[in-house]
C-alpha atoms as a PDB file:
ATOM      1  CA  MET A   1     -97.431  13.324  38.323  1.00  0.00           C
ATOM      2  CA  GLU A   2     -95.961  14.243  34.933  1.00  0.00           C
ATOM      3  CA  PRO A   3     -93.123  12.197  33.427  1.00  0.00           C
ATOM      4  CA  ALA A   4     -89.667  13.685  33.960  1.00  0.00           C
ATOM      5  CA  HIS A   5     -89.112  14.191  30.226  1.00  0.00           C
ATOM      6  CA  GLY A   6     -92.658  15.004  29.159  1.00  0.00           C
ATOM      7  CA  TYR A   7     -95.225  13.056  27.215  1.00  0.00           C
ATOM      8  CA  GLY A   8     -93.944  14.101  23.815  1.00  0.00           C
ATOM      9  CA  MET A   9     -90.613  12.359  24.267  1.00  0.00           C
ATOM     10  CA  TYR A  10     -92.294   9.015  24.978  1.00  0.00           C
ATOM     11  CA  ILE A  11     -94.765   9.411  22.127  1.00  0.00           C
ATOM     12  CA  LYS A  12     -91.908  10.241  19.729  1.00  0.00           C
ATOM     13  CA  GLN A  13     -89.754   7.327  20.895  1.00  0.00           C
ATOM     14  CA  ILE A  14     -92.653   4.874  20.578  1.00  0.00           C
ATOM     15  CA  SER A  15     -93.454   6.227  17.101  1.00  0.00           C
ATOM     16  CA  ASP A  16     -89.805   5.949  16.039  1.00  0.00           C
ATOM     17  CA  TYR A  17     -89.605   2.373  17.363  1.00  0.00           C
ATOM     18  CA  MET A  18     -92.789   1.388  15.534  1.00  0.00           C
ATOM     19  CA  ASP A  19     -91.625   2.915  12.250  1.00  0.00           C
ATOM     20  CA  LYS A  20     -88.228   1.209  12.516  1.00  0.00           C
ATOM     21  CA  ASP A  21     -89.718  -2.174  13.398  1.00  0.00           C
ATOM     22  CA  ILE A  22     -92.429  -2.027  10.726  1.00  0.00           C
ATOM     23  CA  ASN A  23     -89.871  -0.897   8.110  1.00  0.00           C
ATOM     24  CA  ARG A  24     -87.623  -3.819   9.101  1.00  0.00           C
ATOM     25  CA  ASN A  25     -90.534  -6.258   8.684  1.00  0.00           C
ATOM     26  CA  LEU A  26     -91.540  -4.744   5.329  1.00  0.00           C
ATOM     27  CA  GLU A  27     -87.989  -4.721   3.950  1.00  0.00           C
ATOM     28  CA  ARG A  28     -88.421  -8.178   2.408  1.00  0.00           C
ATOM     29  CA  HIS A  29     -91.300  -6.752   0.346  1.00  0.00           C
ATOM     30  CA  ASN A  30     -89.217  -3.728  -0.694  1.00  0.00           C
ATOM     31  CA  LEU A  31     -91.690  -1.395   1.059  1.00  0.00           C
ATOM     32  CA  THR A  32     -91.463   1.376   3.631  1.00  0.00           C
ATOM     33  CA  HIS A  33     -94.045   2.046   6.325  1.00  0.00           C
ATOM     34  CA  SER A  34     -95.217   5.149   4.440  1.00  0.00           C
ATOM     35  CA  GLN A  35     -95.702   3.139   1.263  1.00  0.00           C
ATOM     36  CA  SER A  36     -97.530   0.459   3.222  1.00  0.00           C
ATOM     37  CA  ARG A  37     -99.900   3.008   4.768  1.00  0.00           C
ATOM     38  CA  PHE A  38    -100.613   4.374   1.274  1.00  0.00           C
ATOM     39  CA  LEU A  39    -101.460   0.886  -0.009  1.00  0.00           C
ATOM     40  CA  MET A  40    -103.605   0.073   3.025  1.00  0.00           C
ATOM     41  CA  ALA A  41    -105.571   3.298   2.590  1.00  0.00           C
ATOM     42  CA  LEU A  42    -106.434   2.204  -0.953  1.00  0.00           C
ATOM     43  CA  PHE A  43    -107.118  -1.366   0.135  1.00  0.00           C
ATOM     44  CA  HIS A  44    -109.779  -0.232   2.608  1.00  0.00           C
ATOM     45  CA  ARG A  45    -111.647   1.882   0.069  1.00  0.00           C
ATOM     46  CA  GLU A  46    -114.576   0.193  -1.638  1.00  0.00           C
ATOM     47  CA  THR A  47    -113.147   0.770  -5.116  1.00  0.00           C
ATOM     48  CA  GLN A  48    -109.506   0.463  -3.972  1.00  0.00           C
ATOM     49  CA  CYS A  49    -109.036   3.743  -5.805  1.00  0.00           C
ATOM     50  CA  ALA A  50    -108.550   7.370  -4.687  1.00  0.00           C
ATOM     51  CA  SER A  51    -107.345  10.679  -5.995  1.00  0.00           C
ATOM     52  CA  LEU A  52    -103.939  11.845  -4.832  1.00  0.00           C
ATOM     53  CA  LYS A  53    -105.713  14.870  -3.312  1.00  0.00           C
ATOM     54  CA  GLN A  54    -107.879  12.578  -1.181  1.00  0.00           C
ATOM     55  CA  LEU A  55    -104.781  10.747   0.041  1.00  0.00           C
ATOM     56  CA  GLU A  56    -102.942  14.022   0.722  1.00  0.00           C
ATOM     57  CA  ASN A  57    -105.840  15.110   2.931  1.00  0.00           C
ATOM     58  CA  LEU A  58    -106.068  11.729   4.653  1.00  0.00           C
ATOM     59  CA  PHE A  59    -102.383  11.688   5.591  1.00  0.00           C
ATOM     60  CA  GLY A  60    -101.900  15.433   5.997  1.00  0.00           C
ATOM     61  CA  VAL A  61     -98.867  15.561   3.710  1.00  0.00           C
ATOM     62  CA  ALA A  62     -97.788  17.753   0.837  1.00  0.00           C
ATOM     63  CA  GLN A  63     -98.728  16.988  -2.762  1.00  0.00           C
ATOM     64  CA  SER A  64     -95.087  16.365  -3.630  1.00  0.00           C
ATOM     65  CA  THR A  65     -94.759  13.765  -0.857  1.00  0.00           C
ATOM     66  CA  MET A  66     -97.857  11.887  -1.973  1.00  0.00           C
ATOM     67  CA  ALA A  67     -96.831  12.066  -5.638  1.00  0.00           C
ATOM     68  CA  GLY A  68     -93.379  10.672  -4.781  1.00  0.00           C
ATOM     69  CA  ILE A  69     -94.855   7.708  -2.917  1.00  0.00           C
ATOM     70  CA  ALA A  70     -97.248   7.058  -5.816  1.00  0.00           C
ATOM     71  CA  VAL A  71     -94.423   7.097  -8.375  1.00  0.00           C
ATOM     72  CA  ARG A  72     -92.386   4.585  -6.362  1.00  0.00           C
ATOM     73  CA  LEU A  73     -95.360   2.267  -5.835  1.00  0.00           C
ATOM     74  CA  GLU A  74     -96.315   2.439  -9.503  1.00  0.00           C
ATOM     75  CA  SER A  75     -92.754   1.553 -10.535  1.00  0.00           C
ATOM     76  CA  LYS A  76     -93.064  -1.549  -8.314  1.00  0.00           C
ATOM     77  CA  GLY A  77     -96.319  -2.520 -10.038  1.00  0.00           C
ATOM     78  CA  LEU A  78     -98.390  -2.158  -6.864  1.00  0.00           C
ATOM     79  CA  ILE A  79    -100.650   0.643  -8.133  1.00  0.00           C
ATOM     80  CA  VAL A  80    -101.665   2.176 -11.438  1.00  0.00           C
ATOM     81  CA  SER A  81    -102.336   5.871 -11.924  1.00  0.00           C
ATOM     82  CA  PHE A  82    -104.630   7.641 -14.355  1.00  0.00           C
ATOM     83  CA  THR A  83    -106.159  11.063 -14.871  1.00  0.00           C
ATOM     84  CA  ASP A  84    -109.792  11.838 -14.185  1.00  0.00           C
ATOM     85  CA  ALA A  85    -112.024  11.597 -17.253  1.00  0.00           C
ATOM     86  CA  GLN A  86    -113.816  14.873 -16.422  1.00  0.00           C
ATOM     87  CA  ASP A  87    -110.877  16.864 -15.034  1.00  0.00           C
ATOM     88  CA  ARG A  88    -107.430  15.989 -16.356  1.00  0.00           C
ATOM     89  CA  ARG A  89    -105.791  17.905 -13.489  1.00  0.00           C
ATOM     90  CA  ILE A  90    -106.958  15.210 -11.053  1.00  0.00           C
ATOM     91  CA  LYS A  91    -104.792  12.104 -10.743  1.00  0.00           C
ATOM     92  CA  HIS A  92    -106.219   8.847  -9.400  1.00  0.00           C
ATOM     93  CA  VAL A  93    -104.381   5.776  -8.137  1.00  0.00           C
ATOM     94  CA  GLN A  94    -105.711   2.232  -7.840  1.00  0.00           C
ATOM     95  CA  LEU A  95    -104.328  -0.977  -6.363  1.00  0.00           C
ATOM     96  CA  THR A  96    -103.175  -3.702  -8.690  1.00  0.00           C
ATOM     97  CA  GLU A  97    -103.490  -7.402  -7.890  1.00  0.00           C
ATOM     98  CA  ALA A  98     -99.855  -7.335  -6.729  1.00  0.00           C
ATOM     99  CA  GLY A  99    -100.703  -4.371  -4.502  1.00  0.00           C
ATOM    100  CA  ARG A 100    -103.594  -6.251  -2.927  1.00  0.00           C
ATOM    101  CA  ASN A 101    -101.295  -9.197  -2.201  1.00  0.00           C
ATOM    102  CA  VAL A 102     -98.713  -6.949  -0.533  1.00  0.00           C
ATOM    103  CA  CYS A 103    -101.413  -5.413   1.686  1.00  0.00           C
ATOM    104  CA  GLN A 104    -101.703  -8.661   3.646  1.00  0.00           C
ATOM    105  CA  ALA A 105     -97.956  -8.644   4.332  1.00  0.00           C
ATOM    106  CA  SER A 106     -98.195  -4.992   5.390  1.00  0.00           C
ATOM    107  CA  HIS A 107    -101.081  -5.754   7.708  1.00  0.00           C
ATOM    108  CA  ASP A 108     -99.152  -8.637   9.285  1.00  0.00           C
ATOM    109  CA  ALA A 109     -96.039  -6.471   9.837  1.00  0.00           C
ATOM    110  CA  ILE A 110     -98.025  -3.709  11.509  1.00  0.00           C
ATOM    111  CA  LEU A 111     -99.954  -6.172  13.670  1.00  0.00           C
ATOM    112  CA  ALA A 112     -96.724  -7.861  14.811  1.00  0.00           C
ATOM    113  CA  THR A 113     -95.241  -4.516  15.849  1.00  0.00           C
ATOM    114  CA  GLU A 114     -98.416  -3.434  17.647  1.00  0.00           C
ATOM    115  CA  ASN A 115     -98.548  -6.752  19.496  1.00  0.00           C
ATOM    116  CA  ARG A 116     -94.957  -6.267  20.689  1.00  0.00           C
ATOM    117  CA  LEU A 117     -95.835  -2.730  21.758  1.00  0.00           C
ATOM    118  CA  VAL A 118     -98.561  -3.893  24.156  1.00  0.00           C
ATOM    119  CA  SER A 119     -97.116  -7.295  25.075  1.00  0.00           C
ATOM    120  CA  GLY A 120     -96.473  -6.192  28.657  1.00  0.00           C
ATOM    121  CA  LEU A 121    -100.072  -5.098  29.205  1.00  0.00           C
ATOM    122  CA  THR A 122    -103.061  -7.120  30.379  1.00  0.00           C
ATOM    123  CA  GLY A 123    -106.206  -7.211  28.268  1.00  0.00           C
ATOM    124  CA  ILE A 124    -107.843  -4.558  30.434  1.00  0.00           C
ATOM    125  CA  GLU A 125    -104.730  -2.361  30.302  1.00  0.00           C
ATOM    126  CA  ARG A 126    -104.665  -2.683  26.518  1.00  0.00           C
ATOM    127  CA  GLN A 127    -108.245  -1.426  26.291  1.00  0.00           C
ATOM    128  CA  ILE A 128    -107.529   1.454  28.685  1.00  0.00           C
ATOM    129  CA  PHE A 129    -104.387   2.327  26.712  1.00  0.00           C
ATOM    130  CA  LEU A 130    -106.331   2.341  23.446  1.00  0.00           C
ATOM    131  CA  ASP A 131    -109.092   4.474  24.986  1.00  0.00           C
ATOM    132  CA  LEU A 132    -106.526   6.983  26.260  1.00  0.00           C
ATOM    133  CA  LEU A 133    -104.724   7.123  22.912  1.00  0.00           C
ATOM    134  CA  GLN A 134    -108.041   7.843  21.180  1.00  0.00           C
ATOM    135  CA  LYS A 135    -108.780  10.654  23.657  1.00  0.00           C
ATOM    136  CA  VAL A 136    -105.351  12.197  23.126  1.00  0.00           C
ATOM    137  CA  TYR A 137    -105.736  11.919  19.355  1.00  0.00           C
ATOM    138  CA  GLN A 138    -109.142  13.611  19.463  1.00  0.00           C
ATOM    139  CA  ALA A 139    -107.671  16.433  21.565  1.00  0.00           C
ATOM    140  CA  VAL A 140    -104.933  17.219  19.027  1.00  0.00           C
ATOM    141  CA  ARG A 141    -106.937  16.810  15.795  1.00  0.00           C
END
């Protein structure tokens, strides 16, 4: 039986709740969820460095969006940016030490929100929920 309001409404409301809660937790670090995701993407790269084009593709956002996030994070001292030595049209960003430190706080904020999200589920239900989310994600990619 399908939900009365459709799946999309629930997915959107859960996403909105998670963004709001994560943003609230990151406020003390003067970060937004989008900025945190940007930092975490760099943190998980071996060199903690990427081109803006790579990040645009990873997040599926416009160049102007990615550039705006990078400018704000650089002004906070969390990343540094530089042009590619072989192709000056390519801009790279890399985490600073301060950026690496903030990544732990970001990780903790996201984990706290995710734990609240599934707090009413048993361990088995959590695994089933995760499996179903992965299937849905694969279907829409």
